[in-house]
PDB file of N, CA and C in Angstrom:
ATOM      1  N   VAL A   1       8.632   4.661  24.711  1.00  0.00           N
ATOM      2  CA  VAL A   1       9.550   3.772  23.748  1.00  0.00           C
ATOM      3  C   VAL A   1       8.437   4.167  22.285  1.00  0.00           C
ATOM      4  N   ARG A   2       9.350   4.912  21.580  1.00  0.00           N
ATOM      5  CA  ARG A   2       9.507   5.536  20.046  1.00  0.00           C
ATOM      6  C   ARG A   2       9.807   5.327  18.547  1.00  0.00           C
ATOM      7  N   GLY A   3       8.924   4.709  18.405  1.00  0.00           N
ATOM      8  CA  GLY A   3       9.065   4.092  17.115  1.00  0.00           C
ATOM      9  C   GLY A   3       8.108   2.316  17.253  1.00  0.00           C
ATOM     10  N   LEU A   4       7.687   1.872  18.026  1.00  0.00           N
ATOM     11  CA  LEU A   4       6.873   0.702  18.289  1.00  0.00           C
ATOM     12  C   LEU A   4       6.070   0.600  18.131  1.00  0.00           C
ATOM     13  N   GLY A   5       5.658   1.043  16.696  1.00  0.00           N
ATOM     14  CA  GLY A   5       3.550   1.248  16.675  1.00  0.00           C
ATOM     15  C   GLY A   5       3.223  -0.145  16.748  1.00  0.00           C
ATOM     16  N   SER A   6       1.735  -0.483  16.275  1.00  0.00           N
ATOM     17  CA  SER A   6       1.400  -1.445  16.410  1.00  0.00           C
ATOM     18  C   SER A   6       1.873  -2.974  15.939  1.00  0.00           C
ATOM     19  N   ALA A   7       3.111  -2.603  14.690  1.00  0.00           N
ATOM     20  CA  ALA A   7       3.193  -3.776  14.385  1.00  0.00           C
ATOM     21  C   ALA A   7       4.714  -4.187  14.321  1.00  0.00           C
ATOM     22  N   LYS A   8       5.080  -3.220  15.446  1.00  0.00           N
ATOM     23  CA  LYS A   8       6.759  -3.076  15.808  1.00  0.00           C
ATOM     24  C   LYS A   8       7.850  -3.187  14.645  1.00  0.00           C
ATOM     25  N   ASP A   9       7.640  -3.357  13.836  1.00  0.00           N
ATOM     26  CA  ASP A   9       8.502  -3.830  12.611  1.00  0.00           C
ATOM     27  C   ASP A   9       7.897  -2.927  11.106  1.00  0.00           C
ATOM     28  N   GLY A  10       7.229  -1.366  11.187  1.00  0.00           N
ATOM     29  CA  GLY A  10       7.107  -1.726  10.462  1.00  0.00           C
ATOM     30  C   GLY A  10       8.086  -0.319   9.702  1.00  0.00           C
ATOM     31  N   THR A  11       8.872   0.141  10.700  1.00  0.00           N
ATOM     32  CA  THR A  11       9.763   0.792  10.054  1.00  0.00           C
ATOM     33  C   THR A  11      10.981   0.398   8.912  1.00  0.00           C
ATOM     34  N   GLU A  12      11.181  -0.984   9.905  1.00  0.00           N
ATOM     35  CA  GLU A  12      11.905  -1.872   9.422  1.00  0.00           C
ATOM     36  C   GLU A  12      11.574  -2.387   7.995  1.00  0.00           C
ATOM     37  N   HIS A  13      10.266  -2.663   8.078  1.00  0.00           N
ATOM     38  CA  HIS A  13       9.518  -3.430   6.495  1.00  0.00           C
ATOM     39  C   HIS A  13       9.788  -2.240   5.503  1.00  0.00           C
ATOM     40  N   TRP A  14       9.634  -0.757   6.250  1.00  0.00           N
ATOM     41  CA  TRP A  14       9.352   0.459   5.026  1.00  0.00           C
ATOM     42  C   TRP A  14      10.383   0.609   4.542  1.00  0.00           C
ATOM     43  N   TRP A  15      11.547   0.450   5.465  1.00  0.00           N
ATOM     44  CA  TRP A  15      13.141   0.536   4.617  1.00  0.00           C
ATOM     45  C   TRP A  15      13.350  -0.548   3.984  1.00  0.00           C
ATOM     46  N   HIS A  16      12.967  -1.676   4.546  1.00  0.00           N
ATOM     47  CA  HIS A  16      14.022  -2.954   3.131  1.00  0.00           C
ATOM     48  C   HIS A  16      12.573  -1.827   1.460  1.00  0.00           C
ATOM     49  N   GLN A  17      11.791  -2.018   1.747  1.00  0.00           N
ATOM     50  CA  GLN A  17      10.518  -2.110   0.431  1.00  0.00           C
ATOM     51  C   GLN A  17      11.165  -0.743   0.011  1.00  0.00           C
ATOM     52  N   ARG A  18      12.024  -0.009   0.679  1.00  0.00           N
ATOM     53  CA  ARG A  18      12.302   1.296   0.106  1.00  0.00           C
ATOM     54  C   ARG A  18      13.546   1.157  -1.077  1.00  0.00           C
ATOM     55  N   VAL A  19      14.732   0.385   0.110  1.00  0.00           N
ATOM     56  CA  VAL A  19      16.232   0.055  -0.244  1.00  0.00           C
ATOM     57  C   VAL A  19      16.214  -0.733  -1.615  1.00  0.00           C
ATOM     58  N   THR A  20      15.203  -1.948  -1.201  1.00  0.00           N
ATOM     59  CA  THR A  20      15.091  -2.934  -3.064  1.00  0.00           C
ATOM     60  C   THR A  20      14.403  -1.665  -4.099  1.00  0.00           C
ATOM     61  N   ALA A  21      13.401  -0.998  -3.501  1.00  0.00           N
ATOM     62  CA  ALA A  21      13.103   0.003  -5.289  1.00  0.00           C
ATOM     63  C   ALA A  21      14.485   0.074  -5.874  1.00  0.00           C
ATOM     64  N   VAL A  22      15.091   1.032  -4.532  1.00  0.00           N
ATOM     65  CA  VAL A  22      16.053   1.813  -5.522  1.00  0.00           C
ATOM     66  C   VAL A  22      17.126   0.762  -6.312  1.00  0.00           C
ATOM     67  N   ALA A  23      18.050  -0.341  -5.457  1.00  0.00           N
ATOM     68  CA  ALA A  23      18.385  -1.402  -5.880  1.00  0.00           C
ATOM     69  C   ALA A  23      18.009  -1.677  -7.053  1.00  0.00           C
ATOM     70  N   ASN A  24      16.522  -1.501  -7.322  1.00  0.00           N
ATOM     71  CA  ASN A  24      15.757  -2.231  -8.403  1.00  0.00           C
ATOM     72  C   ASN A  24      16.496  -1.704  -9.372  1.00  0.00           C
ATOM     73  N   ILE A  25      16.555  -0.142  -9.809  1.00  0.00           N
ATOM     74  CA  ILE A  25      16.642   0.723 -10.490  1.00  0.00           C
ATOM     75  C   ILE A  25      17.639   0.334 -11.309  1.00  0.00           C
ATOM     76  N   PRO A  26      19.047   0.516 -11.193  1.00  0.00           N
ATOM     77  CA  PRO A  26      20.145   0.121 -11.901  1.00  0.00           C
ATOM     78  C   PRO A  26      19.981  -1.148 -11.872  1.00  0.00           C
ATOM     79  N   LEU A  27      19.992  -2.155 -11.736  1.00  0.00           N
ATOM     80  CA  LEU A  27      19.817  -3.385 -11.728  1.00  0.00           C
ATOM     81  C   LEU A  27      18.651  -3.665 -12.960  1.00  0.00           C
ATOM     82  N   VAL A  28      17.645  -3.222 -13.113  1.00  0.00           N
ATOM     83  CA  VAL A  28      16.713  -3.087 -14.650  1.00  0.00           C
ATOM     84  C   VAL A  28      17.477  -2.845 -15.619  1.00  0.00           C
ATOM     85  N   LEU A  29      18.410  -1.524 -15.396  1.00  0.00           N
ATOM     86  CA  LEU A  29      19.133  -0.764 -16.624  1.00  0.00           C
ATOM     87  C   LEU A  29      20.136  -1.812 -16.727  1.00  0.00           C
ATOM     88  N   ILE A  30      20.684  -2.568 -15.766  1.00  0.00           N
ATOM     89  CA  ILE A  30      21.526  -3.450 -16.608  1.00  0.00           C
ATOM     90  C   ILE A  30      21.354  -4.442 -17.373  1.00  0.00           C
ATOM     91  N   PHE A  31      19.495  -4.958 -16.675  1.00  0.00           N
ATOM     92  CA  PHE A  31      19.586  -6.071 -17.334  1.00  0.00           C
ATOM     93  C   PHE A  31      18.784  -5.494 -18.983  1.00  0.00           C
ATOM     94  N   VAL A  32      18.463  -3.992 -19.114  1.00  0.00           N
ATOM     95  CA  VAL A  32      18.318  -3.410 -20.035  1.00  0.00           C
ATOM     96  C   VAL A  32      18.878  -3.810 -20.883  1.00  0.00           C
ATOM     97  N   PHE A  33      20.003  -3.335 -20.468  1.00  0.00           N
ATOM     98  CA  PHE A  33      21.552  -3.106 -21.451  1.00  0.00           C
ATOM     99  C   PHE A  33      21.722  -4.077 -21.923  1.00  0.00           C
ATOM    100  N   VAL A  34      21.767  -5.494 -21.231  1.00  0.00           N
ATOM    101  CA  VAL A  34      22.318  -6.375 -21.789  1.00  0.00           C
ATOM    102  C   VAL A  34      20.929  -7.449 -22.500  1.00  0.00           C
ATOM    103  N   LEU A  35      19.961  -6.949 -22.624  1.00  0.00           N
ATOM    104  CA  LEU A  35      18.997  -7.356 -23.785  1.00  0.00           C
ATOM    105  C   LEU A  35      19.425  -6.393 -25.236  1.00  0.00           C
ATOM    106  N   MET A  36      19.154  -5.238 -24.925  1.00  0.00           N
ATOM    107  CA  MET A  36      19.286  -4.612 -26.040  1.00  0.00           C
ATOM    108  C   MET A  36      20.996  -4.680 -26.402  1.00  0.00           C
ATOM    109  N   ASN A  37      21.650  -5.476 -25.990  1.00  0.00           N
ATOM    110  CA  ASN A  37      23.174  -5.785 -26.642  1.00  0.00           C
ATOM    111  C   ASN A  37      22.790  -6.973 -27.337  1.00  0.00           C
ATOM    112  N   SER A  38      21.674  -7.219 -27.122  1.00  0.00           N
ATOM    113  CA  SER A  38      21.746  -9.191 -27.399  1.00  0.00           C
ATOM    114  C   SER A  38      20.875  -9.197 -28.856  1.00  0.00           C
ATOM    115  N   VAL A  39      20.369  -7.972 -29.016  1.00  0.00           N
ATOM    116  CA  VAL A  39      19.342  -8.246 -30.828  1.00  0.00           C
ATOM    117  C   VAL A  39      20.525  -8.434 -31.597  1.00  0.00           C
ATOM    118  N   GLY A  40      20.028  -8.984 -32.301  1.00  0.00           N
ATOM    119  CA  GLY A  40      20.435  -8.972 -33.884  1.00  0.00           C
ATOM    120  C   GLY A  40      22.100  -9.904 -34.055  1.00  0.00           C
ATOM    121  N   LYS A  41      22.356 -10.474 -32.407  1.00  0.00           N
ATOM    122  CA  LYS A  41      23.623 -11.295 -32.401  1.00  0.00           C
ATOM    123  C   LYS A  41      23.412 -12.672 -32.393  1.00  0.00           C
ATOM    124  N   SER A  42      24.470 -13.417 -32.965  1.00  0.00           N
ATOM    125  CA  SER A  42      24.210 -15.179 -32.981  1.00  0.00           C
ATOM    126  C   SER A  42      23.867 -15.177 -31.880  1.00  0.00           C
ATOM    127  N   HIS A  43      23.178 -16.764 -32.042  1.00  0.00           N
ATOM    128  CA  HIS A  43      23.954 -17.348 -30.213  1.00  0.00           C
ATOM    129  C   HIS A  43      24.914 -17.411 -29.719  1.00  0.00           C
ATOM    130  N   ALA A  44      26.034 -17.815 -30.598  1.00  0.00           N
ATOM    131  CA  ALA A  44      27.044 -17.854 -30.112  1.00  0.00           C
ATOM    132  C   ALA A  44      27.262 -16.583 -28.871  1.00  0.00           C
ATOM    133  N   GLU A  45      27.266 -15.635 -29.767  1.00  0.00           N
ATOM    134  CA  GLU A  45      27.497 -13.854 -29.052  1.00  0.00           C
ATOM    135  C   GLU A  45      26.787 -13.891 -28.076  1.00  0.00           C
ATOM    136  N   VAL A  46      25.656 -14.130 -28.136  1.00  0.00           N
ATOM    137  CA  VAL A  46      24.575 -13.878 -27.055  1.00  0.00           C
ATOM    138  C   VAL A  46      25.057 -14.759 -25.722  1.00  0.00           C
ATOM    139  N   ALA A  47      25.732 -15.863 -25.523  1.00  0.00           N
ATOM    140  CA  ALA A  47      25.986 -16.841 -24.808  1.00  0.00           C
ATOM    141  C   ALA A  47      27.176 -16.412 -24.665  1.00  0.00           C
ATOM    142  N   ALA A  48      27.915 -16.002 -25.305  1.00  0.00           N
ATOM    143  CA  ALA A  48      29.191 -15.490 -24.624  1.00  0.00           C
ATOM    144  C   ALA A  48      29.048 -14.208 -23.313  1.00  0.00           C
ATOM    145  N   LEU A  49      28.224 -13.529 -23.914  1.00  0.00           N
ATOM    146  CA  LEU A  49      27.544 -12.210 -22.848  1.00  0.00           C
ATOM    147  C   LEU A  49      26.905 -12.788 -21.993  1.00  0.00           C
ATOM    148  N   LEU A  50      26.153 -13.781 -21.916  1.00  0.00           N
ATOM    149  CA  LEU A  50      25.128 -14.370 -20.832  1.00  0.00           C
ATOM    150  C   LEU A  50      26.280 -15.057 -19.826  1.00  0.00           C
ATOM    151  N   GLY A  51      27.360 -15.575 -20.629  1.00  0.00           N
ATOM    152  CA  GLY A  51      28.394 -16.206 -19.529  1.00  0.00           C
ATOM    153  C   GLY A  51      29.112 -15.520 -18.977  1.00  0.00           C
ATOM    154  N   SER A  52      29.252 -13.986 -18.977  1.00  0.00           N
ATOM    155  CA  SER A  52      30.370 -13.144 -18.595  1.00  0.00           C
ATOM    156  C   SER A  52      29.804 -13.125 -16.943  1.00  0.00           C
ATOM    157  N   PRO A  53      30.900 -13.163 -16.035  1.00  0.00           N
ATOM    158  CA  PRO A  53      30.514 -13.361 -14.494  1.00  0.00           C
ATOM    159  C   PRO A  53      30.170 -12.192 -14.331  1.00  0.00           C
ATOM    160  N   LEU A  54      30.545 -10.768 -14.880  1.00  0.00           N
ATOM    161  CA  LEU A  54      29.939  -9.887 -14.423  1.00  0.00           C
ATOM    162  C   LEU A  54      28.056  -9.807 -14.513  1.00  0.00           C
ATOM    163  N   VAL A  55      27.830 -10.297 -15.792  1.00  0.00           N
ATOM    164  CA  VAL A  55      26.408 -10.263 -16.372  1.00  0.00           C
ATOM    165  C   VAL A  55      25.458 -11.422 -15.977  1.00  0.00           C
ATOM    166  N   VAL A  56      26.120 -11.888 -15.152  1.00  0.00           N
ATOM    167  CA  VAL A  56      25.664 -13.629 -14.132  1.00  0.00           C
ATOM    168  C   VAL A  56      25.370 -12.910 -12.909  1.00  0.00           C
ATOM    169  N   ILE A  57      26.296 -12.345 -12.264  1.00  0.00           N
ATOM    170  CA  ILE A  57      26.136 -11.639 -11.076  1.00  0.00           C
ATOM    171  C   ILE A  57      24.768 -10.061 -10.640  1.00  0.00           C
ATOM    172  N   ALA A  58      25.158  -9.454 -11.948  1.00  0.00           N
ATOM    173  CA  ALA A  58      24.058  -8.616 -12.032  1.00  0.00           C
ATOM    174  C   ALA A  58      22.722  -8.755 -12.139  1.00  0.00           C
ATOM    175  N   LEU A  59      22.438 -10.378 -12.259  1.00  0.00           N
ATOM    176  CA  LEU A  59      20.895 -10.706 -13.047  1.00  0.00           C
ATOM    177  C   LEU A  59      20.828 -11.533 -12.084  1.00  0.00           C
ATOM    178  N   LEU A  60      21.232 -11.941 -11.130  1.00  0.00           N
ATOM    179  CA  LEU A  60      21.350 -12.877  -9.734  1.00  0.00           C
ATOM    180  C   LEU A  60      21.151 -11.713  -8.780  1.00  0.00           C
ATOM    181  N   MET A  61      21.349 -10.819  -8.843  1.00  0.00           N
ATOM    182  CA  MET A  61      21.524  -9.918  -7.870  1.00  0.00           C
ATOM    183  C   MET A  61      19.583  -9.453  -8.185  1.00  0.00           C
ATOM    184  N   MET A  62      19.551  -9.238  -9.766  1.00  0.00           N
ATOM    185  CA  MET A  62      18.231  -8.229  -9.826  1.00  0.00           C
ATOM    186  C   MET A  62      16.817  -9.149  -9.533  1.00  0.00           C
ATOM    187  N   ILE A  63      17.356 -11.108  -9.730  1.00  0.00           N
ATOM    188  CA  ILE A  63      16.205 -11.881  -9.233  1.00  0.00           C
ATOM    189  C   ILE A  63      16.193 -11.676  -7.984  1.00  0.00           C
ATOM    190  N   GLY A  64      17.088 -11.795  -7.102  1.00  0.00           N
ATOM    191  CA  GLY A  64      16.767 -11.396  -5.865  1.00  0.00           C
ATOM    192  C   GLY A  64      16.529 -10.150  -5.393  1.00  0.00           C
ATOM    193  N   SER A  65      16.532  -9.126  -6.030  1.00  0.00           N
ATOM    194  CA  SER A  65      16.114  -7.642  -5.583  1.00  0.00           C
ATOM    195  C   SER A  65      14.781  -7.750  -5.602  1.00  0.00           C
ATOM    196  N   ILE A  66      14.116  -8.042  -6.728  1.00  0.00           N
ATOM    197  CA  ILE A  66      12.694  -8.359  -7.336  1.00  0.00           C
ATOM    198  C   ILE A  66      11.836  -8.844  -6.300  1.00  0.00           C
ATOM    199  N   THR A  67      12.666 -10.314  -6.121  1.00  0.00           N
ATOM    200  CA  THR A  67      11.625 -11.184  -5.429  1.00  0.00           C
ATOM    201  C   THR A  67      11.727 -10.943  -4.590  1.00  0.00           C
ATOM    202  N   TRP A  68      12.509  -9.722  -3.606  1.00  0.00           N
ATOM    203  CA  TRP A  68      12.331  -9.811  -2.256  1.00  0.00           C
ATOM    204  C   TRP A  68      11.184  -8.609  -1.991  1.00  0.00           C
ATOM    205  N   HIS A  69      11.437  -7.395  -3.236  1.00  0.00           N
ATOM    206  CA  HIS A  69      10.388  -6.103  -3.387  1.00  0.00           C
ATOM    207  C   HIS A  69       8.914  -6.944  -3.964  1.00  0.00           C
ATOM    208  N   MET A  70       8.863  -7.833  -3.700  1.00  0.00           N
ATOM    209  CA  MET A  70       7.131  -8.107  -4.654  1.00  0.00           C
ATOM    210  C   MET A  70       7.254  -8.861  -3.242  1.00  0.00           C
ATOM    211  N   ARG A  71       7.709 -10.006  -2.837  1.00  0.00           N
ATOM    212  CA  ARG A  71       7.515 -10.378  -1.404  1.00  0.00           C
ATOM    213  C   ARG A  71       6.819  -9.230  -0.127  1.00  0.00           C
ATOM    214  N   LEU A  72       7.571  -8.393  -0.664  1.00  0.00           N
ATOM    215  CA  LEU A  72       7.235  -7.150   0.443  1.00  0.00           C
ATOM    216  C   LEU A  72       5.831  -6.591   0.174  1.00  0.00           C
ATOM    217  N   GLY A  73       5.944  -6.332  -0.897  1.00  0.00           N
ATOM    218  CA  GLY A  73       4.971  -5.410  -1.669  1.00  0.00           C
ATOM    219  C   GLY A  73       3.631  -6.018  -1.338  1.00  0.00           C
ATOM    220  N   MET A  74       3.600  -7.685  -1.537  1.00  0.00           N
ATOM    221  CA  MET A  74       2.369  -8.230  -1.391  1.00  0.00           C
ATOM    222  C   MET A  74       2.064  -8.597   0.169  1.00  0.00           C
ATOM    223  N   GLN A  75       2.847  -8.530   0.721  1.00  0.00           N
ATOM    224  CA  GLN A  75       2.913  -8.849   2.217  1.00  0.00           C
ATOM    225  C   GLN A  75       2.138  -7.646   2.600  1.00  0.00           C
ATOM    226  N   VAL A  76       2.229  -6.674   2.559  1.00  0.00           N
ATOM    227  CA  VAL A  76       1.390  -5.171   3.037  1.00  0.00           C
ATOM    228  C   VAL A  76       0.494  -5.540   2.359  1.00  0.00           C
ATOM    229  N   VAL A  77       0.324  -5.807   1.164  1.00  0.00           N
ATOM    230  CA  VAL A  77      -1.940  -6.003   0.679  1.00  0.00           C
ATOM    231  C   VAL A  77      -2.414  -6.984   1.374  1.00  0.00           C
ATOM    232  N   ILE A  78      -1.406  -8.114   1.372  1.00  0.00           N
ATOM    233  CA  ILE A  78      -2.483  -9.106   2.166  1.00  0.00           C
ATOM    234  C   ILE A  78      -2.719  -9.023   4.043  1.00  0.00           C
ATOM    235  N   GLU A  79      -1.508  -8.372   4.453  1.00  0.00           N
ATOM    236  CA  GLU A  79      -2.109  -7.951   5.989  1.00  0.00           C
ATOM    237  C   GLU A  79      -2.988  -6.551   5.990  1.00  0.00           C
ATOM    238  N   ASP A  80      -3.543  -5.712   4.938  1.00  0.00           N
ATOM    239  CA  ASP A  80      -4.163  -4.986   4.891  1.00  0.00           C
ATOM    240  C   ASP A  80      -5.220  -5.248   4.581  1.00  0.00           C
ATOM    241  N   TYR A  81      -5.790  -6.052   3.383  1.00  0.00           N
ATOM    242  CA  TYR A  81      -6.727  -6.440   2.867  1.00  0.00           C
ATOM    243  C   TYR A  81      -7.499  -7.670   3.473  1.00  0.00           C
ATOM    244  N   ILE A  82      -7.013  -8.679   3.373  1.00  0.00           N
ATOM    245  CA  ILE A  82      -7.493  -9.998   4.166  1.00  0.00           C
ATOM    246  C   ILE A  82      -7.068  -9.785   5.794  1.00  0.00           C
ATOM    247  N   SER A  83      -9.251  -9.611   6.408  1.00  0.00           N
ATOM    248  CA  SER A  83      -9.136  -9.588   7.457  1.00  0.00           C
ATOM    249  C   SER A  83      -8.608 -11.103   8.327  1.00  0.00           C
ATOM    250  N   SER A  84      -9.684 -11.873   7.795  1.00  0.00           N
ATOM    251  CA  SER A  84      -9.591 -13.313   8.412  1.00  0.00           C
ATOM    252  C   SER A  84      -8.052 -13.810   9.162  1.00  0.00           C
ATOM    253  N   GLU A  85      -8.102 -14.101   9.845  1.00  0.00           N
ATOM    254  CA  GLU A  85      -6.205 -14.657  10.250  1.00  0.00           C
ATOM    255  C   GLU A  85      -5.960 -15.410   9.841  1.00  0.00           C
ATOM    256  N   GLY A  86      -6.625 -16.891   9.849  1.00  0.00           N
ATOM    257  CA  GLY A  86      -6.524 -18.054   8.915  1.00  0.00           C
ATOM    258  C   GLY A  86      -5.947 -17.905   7.199  1.00  0.00           C
ATOM    259  N   ARG A  87      -6.817 -16.952   6.795  1.00  0.00           N
ATOM    260  CA  ARG A  87      -6.101 -16.885   5.325  1.00  0.00           C
ATOM    261  C   ARG A  87      -5.488 -16.180   4.784  1.00  0.00           C
ATOM    262  N   LYS A  88      -4.992 -15.269   6.075  1.00  0.00           N
ATOM    263  CA  LYS A  88      -4.248 -14.120   6.062  1.00  0.00           C
ATOM    264  C   LYS A  88      -2.785 -15.008   6.006  1.00  0.00           C
ATOM    265  N   ILE A  89      -2.736 -15.656   7.056  1.00  0.00           N
ATOM    266  CA  ILE A  89      -1.365 -16.491   7.564  1.00  0.00           C
ATOM    267  C   ILE A  89      -1.092 -17.530   6.060  1.00  0.00           C
ATOM    268  N   ALA A  90      -2.399 -18.184   5.899  1.00  0.00           N
ATOM    269  CA  ALA A  90      -2.068 -19.115   4.372  1.00  0.00           C
ATOM    270  C   ALA A  90      -2.032 -18.343   3.526  1.00  0.00           C
ATOM    271  N   ALA A  91      -2.095 -16.805   3.466  1.00  0.00           N
ATOM    272  CA  ALA A  91      -1.508 -15.731   2.168  1.00  0.00           C
ATOM    273  C   ALA A  91      -0.927 -15.675   1.537  1.00  0.00           C
ATOM    274  N   LEU A  92       0.189 -15.211   3.032  1.00  0.00           N
ATOM    275  CA  LEU A  92       1.281 -15.055   3.297  1.00  0.00           C
ATOM    276  C   LEU A  92       2.490 -16.056   3.656  1.00  0.00           C
ATOM    277  N   MET A  93       1.719 -16.952   3.828  1.00  0.00           N
ATOM    278  CA  MET A  93       2.974 -18.314   3.830  1.00  0.00           C
ATOM    279  C   MET A  93       2.798 -18.777   1.797  1.00  0.00           C
ATOM    280  N   ALA A  94       2.052 -18.565   1.494  1.00  0.00           N
ATOM    281  CA  ALA A  94       1.391 -18.719   0.047  1.00  0.00           C
ATOM    282  C   ALA A  94       2.478 -17.368  -0.476  1.00  0.00           C
ATOM    283  N   ASN A  95       2.648 -16.504  -0.736  1.00  0.00           N
ATOM    284  CA  ASN A  95       3.276 -15.394  -0.814  1.00  0.00           C
ATOM    285  C   ASN A  95       4.872 -15.678  -0.846  1.00  0.00           C
ATOM    286  N   THR A  96       4.717 -15.609   0.438  1.00  0.00           N
ATOM    287  CA  THR A  96       6.901 -15.847   0.843  1.00  0.00           C
ATOM    288  C   THR A  96       7.079 -17.328   0.075  1.00  0.00           C
ATOM    289  N   PHE A  97       6.595 -18.431  -0.142  1.00  0.00           N
ATOM    290  CA  PHE A  97       6.986 -20.002  -1.152  1.00  0.00           C
ATOM    291  C   PHE A  97       6.810 -19.683  -2.475  1.00  0.00           C
ATOM    292  N   PHE A  98       5.674 -18.399  -3.147  1.00  0.00           N
ATOM    293  CA  PHE A  98       5.688 -18.487  -4.607  1.00  0.00           C
ATOM    294  C   PHE A  98       7.247 -17.316  -4.904  1.00  0.00           C
ATOM    295  N   CYS A  99       7.611 -16.207  -3.754  1.00  0.00           N
ATOM    296  CA  CYS A  99       8.359 -15.161  -4.567  1.00  0.00           C
ATOM    297  C   CYS A  99      10.005 -16.552  -4.265  1.00  0.00           C
ATOM    298  N   ALA A 100       9.712 -17.416  -3.633  1.00  0.00           N
ATOM    299  CA  ALA A 100      10.992 -17.989  -3.279  1.00  0.00           C
ATOM    300  C   ALA A 100      11.010 -18.552  -4.109  1.00  0.00           C
ATOM    301  N   ALA A 101       9.817 -19.144  -4.636  1.00  0.00           N
ATOM    302  CA  ALA A 101      10.304 -20.444  -6.139  1.00  0.00           C
ATOM    303  C   ALA A 101       9.842 -19.862  -7.281  1.00  0.00           C
ATOM    304  N   MET A 102      10.033 -17.893  -7.439  1.00  0.00           N
ATOM    305  CA  MET A 102      10.357 -17.602  -8.725  1.00  0.00           C
ATOM    306  C   MET A 102      12.037 -16.739  -8.348  1.00  0.00           C
ATOM    307  N   ALA A 103      12.049 -16.530  -7.159  1.00  0.00           N
ATOM    308  CA  ALA A 103      13.845 -16.499  -6.894  1.00  0.00           C
ATOM    309  C   ALA A 103      14.923 -17.752  -7.129  1.00  0.00           C
ATOM    310  N   VAL A 104      14.757 -18.631  -7.032  1.00  0.00           N
ATOM    311  CA  VAL A 104      15.395 -19.822  -6.999  1.00  0.00           C
ATOM    312  C   VAL A 104      14.935 -20.512  -8.785  1.00  0.00           C
ATOM    313  N   ALA A 105      13.861 -20.429  -9.153  1.00  0.00           N
ATOM    314  CA  ALA A 105      13.899 -20.434 -10.813  1.00  0.00           C
ATOM    315  C   ALA A 105      14.653 -19.532 -11.714  1.00  0.00           C
ATOM    316  N   GLY A 106      14.047 -18.277 -11.369  1.00  0.00           N
ATOM    317  CA  GLY A 106      15.297 -17.676 -12.174  1.00  0.00           C
ATOM    318  C   GLY A 106      16.912 -17.967 -11.799  1.00  0.00           C
ATOM    319  N   GLY A 107      17.036 -17.720 -10.544  1.00  0.00           N
ATOM    320  CA  GLY A 107      18.470 -18.057 -10.233  1.00  0.00           C
ATOM    321  C   GLY A 107      19.045 -19.055 -10.921  1.00  0.00           C
ATOM    322  N   PHE A 108      18.208 -20.352 -11.127  1.00  0.00           N
ATOM    323  CA  PHE A 108      18.734 -21.676 -11.933  1.00  0.00           C
ATOM    324  C   PHE A 108      18.561 -20.946 -13.316  1.00  0.00           C
ATOM    325  N   ALA A 109      17.870 -20.461 -13.578  1.00  0.00           N
ATOM    326  CA  ALA A 109      18.153 -20.460 -15.127  1.00  0.00           C
ATOM    327  C   ALA A 109      19.223 -19.401 -15.476  1.00  0.00           C
ATOM    328  N   ILE A 110      19.214 -18.390 -14.848  1.00  0.00           N
ATOM    329  CA  ILE A 110      20.286 -16.927 -15.334  1.00  0.00           C
ATOM    330  C   ILE A 110      22.052 -18.122 -14.864  1.00  0.00           C
ATOM    331  N   LEU A 111      21.748 -18.826 -13.980  1.00  0.00           N
ATOM    332  CA  LEU A 111      22.999 -20.137 -13.583  1.00  0.00           C
ATOM    333  C   LEU A 111      23.327 -21.030 -14.668  1.00  0.00           C
ATOM    334  N   LYS A 112      22.105 -21.575 -15.094  1.00  0.00           N
ATOM    335  CA  LYS A 112      22.254 -22.379 -16.466  1.00  0.00           C
ATOM    336  C   LYS A 112      23.015 -21.644 -17.720  1.00  0.00           C
ATOM    337  N   LEU A 113      22.372 -20.566 -17.744  1.00  0.00           N
ATOM    338  CA  LEU A 113      22.928 -19.810 -19.385  1.00  0.00           C
ATOM    339  C   LEU A 113      24.312 -19.387 -18.722  1.00  0.00           C
ATOM    340  N   GLY A 114      24.578 -19.108 -17.478  1.00  0.00           N
ATOM    341  CA  GLY A 114      26.284 -18.366 -17.045  1.00  0.00           C
ATOM    342  C   GLY A 114      26.738 -19.568 -17.463  1.00  0.00           C
ATOM    343  N   PHE A 115      26.593 -20.621 -17.099  1.00  0.00           N
ATOM    344  CA  PHE A 115      27.574 -21.982 -17.164  1.00  0.00           C
ATOM    345  C   PHE A 115      27.661 -22.971 -18.287  1.00  0.00           C
ATOM    346  N   ALA A 116      26.294 -22.250 -19.074  1.00  0.00           N
ATOM    347  CA  ALA A 116      26.600 -22.987 -20.750  1.00  0.00           C
ATOM    348  C   ALA A 116      27.506 -22.713 -21.689  1.00  0.00           C
ATOM    349  N   SER A 117      28.081 -21.338 -21.256  1.00  0.00           N
ATOM    350  CA  SER A 117      29.084 -20.747 -22.866  1.00  0.00           C
ATOM    351  C   SER A 117      30.870 -21.740 -22.313  1.00  0.00           C
TER     352      SER A 117
END
């Protein structure tokens, strides 16, 4: 059977890493655009901008994509450079927990800003 190396899912992991990398490009550009449009504006104007449903959705998508991409990238580093199986499992669990915590915290902050206006 072709495509089943020793990891059995390396191609899928590689593909997810590339898809999130490409998805991050427009999402980060939207984020930079929102930041640039916030410079020099009053608190009320920035709150109105961040209260826009399209901005909230784009920022939530960005947080999700970036944290998923971060998790995948760190997983590769951990799997490649930690030889002890116990430490590797602990590091992979910590990586997943940290990325999930960052996604939840970022999502909460964006939703709080979005619903504040």
